[in-house]
Amino acid sequence: MRTLDEAWDLIERMNLEAYNAAYHLWEKSDVYEDEGESELAEDIRDEASTLQSEVFSEMYDDLSQDDCELISHWAENDEDFKEQFQTYLGLDS
């Protein structure tokens, strides 16, 4: 079995790619926040978060069986890893 560090590296890389896919929305929310449009900024942040989670989930679905097993193993055996993985999937809300 591959290491916990390898599992962390994998989900962190996936989340960074998912974040980059939603970056335009995160950036747009900052602009609205700076303009005093807090409610609109919050709506856009929600949209960005949803998109980021969706992209992460799609990437997870496309992983090799070996990578899926790696994540599953450590999600079952390390609570911190499990919580972070679920957050990236959008299951924390």
Protein backbone atom coordinates (compact mmCIF):
# COMPACT_ATOMS: atom_id res chain seq x y z
CA MET A 1 0.00 0.00 0.00
CA ARG A 2 1.19 3.48 -0.84
CA THR A 3 1.78 5.97 1.94
CA LEU A 4 -0.49 8.49 3.56
CA ASP A 5 1.76 11.24 2.20
CA GLU A 6 1.11 9.97 -1.33
CA ALA A 7 -2.63 10.06 -0.67
CA TRP A 8 -2.39 13.62 0.66
CA ASP A 9 -0.34 14.68 -2.35
CA LEU A 10 -2.91 13.20 -4.71
CA ILE A 11 -5.96 14.91 -3.22
CA GLU A 12 -4.10 18.21 -2.78
CA ARG A 13 -3.10 18.19 -6.48
CA MET A 14 -6.67 17.35 -7.45
CA ASN A 15 -8.05 20.15 -5.29
CA LEU A 16 -5.60 22.66 -6.75
CA GLU A 17 -6.75 21.73 -10.25
CA ALA A 18 -10.39 21.99 -9.16
CA TYR A 19 -9.68 25.39 -7.57
CA ASN A 20 -8.09 26.58 -10.79
CA ALA A 21 -11.23 25.54 -12.69
CA ALA A 22 -13.32 27.76 -10.40
CA TYR A 23 -10.76 30.55 -10.03
CA HIS A 24 -12.68 33.01 -12.20
CA LEU A 25 -15.60 32.80 -9.76
CA TRP A 26 -13.40 33.17 -6.67
CA GLU A 27 -11.82 36.23 -8.31
CA LYS A 28 -15.23 37.67 -9.25
CA SER A 29 -16.48 37.25 -5.66
CA ASP A 30 -13.47 39.23 -4.41
CA VAL A 31 -14.30 42.07 -6.79
CA TYR A 32 -17.88 42.24 -5.55
CA GLU A 33 -16.72 42.07 -1.94
CA ASP A 34 -14.31 44.97 -2.56
CA GLU A 35 -17.20 46.95 -4.08
CA GLY A 36 -19.31 46.43 -0.96
CA GLU A 37 -21.63 43.89 -2.57
CA SER A 38 -21.25 41.33 0.23
CA GLU A 39 -24.43 39.40 -0.47
CA LEU A 40 -23.63 39.01 -4.16
CA ALA A 41 -20.05 38.09 -3.30
CA GLU A 42 -21.30 35.36 -0.95
CA ASP A 43 -23.59 33.96 -3.66
CA ILE A 44 -20.69 33.79 -6.08
CA ARG A 45 -18.46 32.16 -3.45
CA ASP A 46 -21.13 29.50 -3.00
CA GLU A 47 -21.18 28.96 -6.76
CA ALA A 48 -17.37 28.76 -6.85
CA SER A 49 -17.31 26.27 -4.00
CA THR A 50 -19.93 24.11 -5.70
CA LEU A 51 -18.05 24.16 -9.00
CA GLN A 52 -14.77 23.34 -7.27
CA SER A 53 -16.35 20.36 -5.48
CA GLU A 54 -17.96 19.15 -8.71
CA VAL A 55 -14.68 19.28 -10.59
CA PHE A 56 -12.92 17.47 -7.74
CA SER A 57 -15.61 14.79 -7.75
CA GLU A 58 -15.34 14.34 -11.52
CA MET A 59 -11.58 13.99 -11.19
CA TYR A 60 -12.05 11.40 -8.46
CA ASP A 61 -14.43 9.46 -10.71
CA ASP A 62 -11.76 9.43 -13.42
CA LEU A 63 -8.94 8.13 -11.19
CA SER A 64 -7.38 4.75 -11.71
CA GLN A 65 -8.57 1.92 -9.50
CA ASP A 66 -5.21 2.01 -7.72
CA ASP A 67 -5.59 5.71 -6.86
CA CYS A 68 -9.20 5.19 -5.72
CA GLU A 69 -8.08 2.35 -3.47
CA LEU A 70 -5.31 4.53 -2.06
CA ILE A 71 -7.77 7.27 -1.14
CA SER A 72 -10.34 4.82 0.23
CA HIS A 73 -7.74 3.07 2.36
CA TRP A 74 -6.52 6.25 3.99
CA ALA A 75 -10.04 7.70 4.35
CA GLU A 76 -10.87 4.60 6.39
CA ASN A 77 -7.67 4.74 8.45
CA ASP A 78 -6.92 8.42 9.01
CA GLU A 79 -9.61 10.75 10.32
CA ASP A 80 -7.87 13.98 9.26
CA PHE A 81 -7.45 12.68 5.73
CA LYS A 82 -11.07 11.53 5.62
CA GLU A 83 -12.37 14.92 6.77
CA GLN A 84 -10.29 16.81 4.21
CA PHE A 85 -11.29 14.46 1.40
CA GLN A 86 -14.96 14.87 2.28
CA THR A 87 -14.54 18.64 2.38
CA TYR A 88 -13.04 18.61 -1.12
CA LEU A 89 -15.99 16.54 -2.29
CA GLY A 90 -18.35 19.11 -0.79
CA LEU A 91 -19.76 16.72 1.81
CA ASP A 92 -18.98 18.95 4.78
CA SER A 93 -21.90 21.31 4.29
